[in-house]
N, C-alpha and C. Protein backbone atom coordinates (compact mmCIF):
# COMPACT_ATOMS: atom_id res chain seq x y z
N MET A 1 86.35 -55.89 71.84
CA MET A 1 86.33 -57.35 71.41
C MET A 1 84.71 -57.90 70.89
N THR A 2 83.71 -57.44 72.03
CA THR A 2 82.67 -57.84 71.54
C THR A 2 81.94 -57.47 70.24
N GLN A 3 82.13 -55.78 70.72
CA GLN A 3 81.79 -55.49 68.91
C GLN A 3 82.37 -56.00 67.56
N ILE A 4 83.45 -56.35 67.81
CA ILE A 4 84.12 -57.35 66.90
C ILE A 4 82.90 -58.28 66.57
N LEU A 5 82.66 -59.35 67.54
CA LEU A 5 82.22 -60.50 67.94
C LEU A 5 80.59 -59.89 66.63
N LYS A 6 80.26 -59.19 67.22
CA LYS A 6 78.78 -58.72 66.98
C LYS A 6 78.58 -58.48 65.40
N PHE A 7 79.78 -57.47 65.10
CA PHE A 7 79.94 -57.42 63.63
C PHE A 7 79.98 -58.22 62.54
N VAL A 8 80.85 -59.05 63.33
CA VAL A 8 80.76 -60.38 62.61
C VAL A 8 79.77 -61.41 61.97
N SER A 9 78.61 -61.39 63.16
CA SER A 9 77.60 -62.18 63.23
C SER A 9 76.52 -61.67 62.53
N VAL A 10 76.45 -60.17 62.29
CA VAL A 10 75.73 -59.73 61.60
C VAL A 10 76.02 -59.57 60.28
N MET A 11 77.11 -59.76 59.93
CA MET A 11 77.33 -59.96 58.49
C MET A 11 77.19 -61.44 58.12
N ILE A 12 77.55 -62.16 59.01
CA ILE A 12 77.25 -63.94 58.43
C ILE A 12 75.81 -64.34 58.14
N ILE A 13 74.88 -63.22 58.94
CA ILE A 13 73.40 -63.28 58.80
C ILE A 13 72.91 -62.56 57.50
N PHE A 14 73.96 -61.68 57.07
CA PHE A 14 73.37 -60.68 56.23
C PHE A 14 73.56 -61.48 55.18
N LEU A 15 74.94 -61.86 54.99
CA LEU A 15 75.21 -62.77 53.78
C LEU A 15 74.59 -64.37 53.35
N SER A 16 73.75 -65.24 54.73
CA SER A 16 72.89 -65.82 54.41
C SER A 16 71.73 -65.85 53.67
N VAL A 17 71.15 -64.50 54.18
CA VAL A 17 70.17 -64.53 53.78
C VAL A 17 70.06 -63.61 52.34
N PHE A 18 71.01 -62.80 52.00
CA PHE A 18 71.94 -62.38 50.63
C PHE A 18 71.73 -63.74 49.74
N SER A 19 72.21 -64.71 50.41
CA SER A 19 72.67 -65.83 49.53
C SER A 19 71.15 -66.73 48.52
N LYS A 20 70.28 -66.86 49.83
CA LYS A 20 68.94 -67.63 49.54
C LYS A 20 68.20 -66.27 48.99
N LEU A 21 68.42 -64.93 49.22
CA LEU A 21 67.70 -64.58 47.79
C LEU A 21 67.83 -64.91 46.48
N VAL A 22 69.14 -64.84 46.21
CA VAL A 22 69.99 -64.79 45.15
C VAL A 22 69.49 -66.23 44.36
N TYR A 23 69.56 -67.17 45.55
CA TYR A 23 69.18 -68.73 45.09
C TYR A 23 67.66 -68.88 44.25
N SER A 24 66.76 -68.41 45.22
CA SER A 24 65.64 -68.36 45.31
C SER A 24 64.93 -67.41 43.94
N SER A 25 66.02 -66.62 43.47
CA SER A 25 65.37 -66.06 42.04
C SER A 25 66.05 -66.42 40.78
N LYS A 26 67.12 -67.65 40.87
CA LYS A 26 67.60 -68.14 40.04
C LYS A 26 66.65 -68.67 38.84
N PRO A 27 65.77 -69.46 39.51
CA PRO A 27 64.52 -70.16 38.28
C PRO A 27 64.13 -69.11 37.59
N THR A 28 63.77 -67.79 38.11
CA THR A 28 62.86 -66.71 37.03
C THR A 28 63.96 -66.25 35.99
N THR A 29 65.42 -66.50 36.25
CA THR A 29 66.09 -65.60 35.07
C THR A 29 66.65 -66.60 34.07
N THR A 30 66.28 -67.72 34.14
CA THR A 30 66.50 -69.10 33.19
C THR A 30 66.01 -68.36 31.73
N PRO A 31 66.83 -68.71 30.47
CA PRO A 31 66.36 -67.97 29.19
C PRO A 31 65.25 -68.98 28.81
N TYR A 32 65.04 -70.13 29.47
CA TYR A 32 63.73 -70.96 28.83
C TYR A 32 63.16 -72.02 29.98
N TRP A 33 61.83 -72.17 29.66
CA TRP A 33 61.64 -73.11 31.00
C TRP A 33 61.32 -74.38 29.78
N PRO A 34 61.07 -75.80 30.49
CA PRO A 34 60.81 -76.79 29.53
C PRO A 34 59.22 -76.99 29.36
N CYS A 35 58.90 -77.11 27.92
CA CYS A 35 57.83 -77.16 27.54
C CYS A 35 57.24 -78.46 26.79
N ASN A 36 55.47 -78.95 26.65
CA ASN A 36 55.47 -79.61 25.53
C ASN A 36 54.43 -78.72 24.46
N THR A 37 53.48 -77.99 25.12
CA THR A 37 52.67 -77.25 24.17
C THR A 37 52.97 -75.74 24.89
N ARG A 38 52.21 -74.68 23.98
CA ARG A 38 52.13 -73.43 24.30
C ARG A 38 51.57 -73.13 25.69
N ALA A 39 50.71 -73.77 25.79
CA ALA A 39 50.04 -73.74 27.31
C ALA A 39 50.99 -73.67 28.71
N ASP A 40 51.95 -74.38 28.68
CA ASP A 40 52.99 -74.66 29.17
C ASP A 40 53.70 -73.21 29.94
N CYS A 41 53.88 -72.34 28.48
CA CYS A 41 54.51 -71.00 28.69
C CYS A 41 53.94 -70.10 28.81
N LEU A 42 52.58 -70.39 28.93
CA LEU A 42 51.99 -68.99 29.46
C LEU A 42 52.23 -68.27 30.74
N TYR A 43 52.64 -68.78 31.54
CA TYR A 43 53.79 -68.23 32.90
C TYR A 43 54.46 -67.50 32.54
N LYS A 44 55.44 -67.93 31.54
CA LYS A 44 56.74 -66.94 31.77
C LYS A 44 56.20 -65.38 31.09
N GLU A 45 57.32 -64.90 31.64
CA GLU A 45 57.08 -63.41 31.44
C GLU A 45 58.13 -63.07 30.44
N CYS A 46 57.99 -62.18 29.59
CA CYS A 46 58.19 -62.13 28.13
C CYS A 46 58.41 -60.62 27.93
N ASP A 47 59.00 -59.52 27.67
CA ASP A 47 59.02 -58.47 27.49
C ASP A 47 58.23 -57.82 26.43
N TYR A 48 57.20 -56.88 26.71
CA TYR A 48 56.32 -56.67 25.24
C TYR A 48 57.07 -55.86 24.13
N PRO A 49 57.06 -56.39 23.25
CA PRO A 49 55.84 -57.14 22.75
C PRO A 49 55.86 -58.66 21.95
N ALA A 50 56.88 -59.17 22.90
CA ALA A 50 57.35 -60.50 22.73
C ALA A 50 56.29 -61.28 23.40
N LYS A 51 56.24 -62.41 22.77
CA LYS A 51 54.88 -63.72 23.38
C LYS A 51 55.61 -64.94 23.50
N PRO A 52 55.20 -65.60 24.81
CA PRO A 52 56.26 -66.88 25.07
C PRO A 52 55.66 -67.96 23.89
N PHE A 53 56.39 -68.40 23.47
CA PHE A 53 55.79 -69.68 22.63
C PHE A 53 56.75 -71.18 22.93
N CYS A 54 56.38 -72.11 22.73
CA CYS A 54 57.37 -73.43 22.92
C CYS A 54 57.77 -73.82 21.59
N VAL A 55 58.95 -73.60 21.61
CA VAL A 55 59.84 -73.99 20.34
C VAL A 55 60.92 -74.98 20.89
N SER A 56 61.06 -76.23 20.24
CA SER A 56 61.72 -77.44 20.49
C SER A 56 61.54 -78.03 21.92
N SER A 57 60.49 -77.70 22.23
CA SER A 57 60.64 -78.13 24.06
C SER A 57 61.22 -77.01 24.81
N LYS A 58 61.49 -75.87 24.44
CA LYS A 58 61.74 -74.94 25.68
C LYS A 58 60.92 -73.66 25.47
N CYS A 59 60.70 -73.08 26.51
CA CYS A 59 59.44 -71.82 26.17
C CYS A 59 60.45 -70.77 25.73
N LEU A 60 60.33 -69.98 24.68
CA LEU A 60 61.17 -68.82 24.32
C LEU A 60 60.37 -67.27 23.77
N CYS A 61 60.58 -66.42 24.26
CA CYS A 61 60.09 -65.23 24.19
C CYS A 61 60.36 -64.87 22.43
N VAL A 62 59.16 -64.94 22.10
CA VAL A 62 59.16 -64.53 20.22
C VAL A 62 58.61 -63.52 19.89
C-alpha cells in the first residue's frame, strides 16, 4: 500500500514539474511578437535565412 502512495506522489510531482515546463516555454512558441519598430523584433529567433521584421505591429520571420 505504501508503494502505491509513493508512486502516486512521484507522478503528481512529475506532472506538476512537466506542466510548468510546458507553460514556461509557451511564450517563445508564439508565431509573432507585438512590436512598434524593427528593433523590437531583434530578439525574435528565426530560422536562417529568415530575418525578423515588424509587419503590421507583429514580429514576423521574413
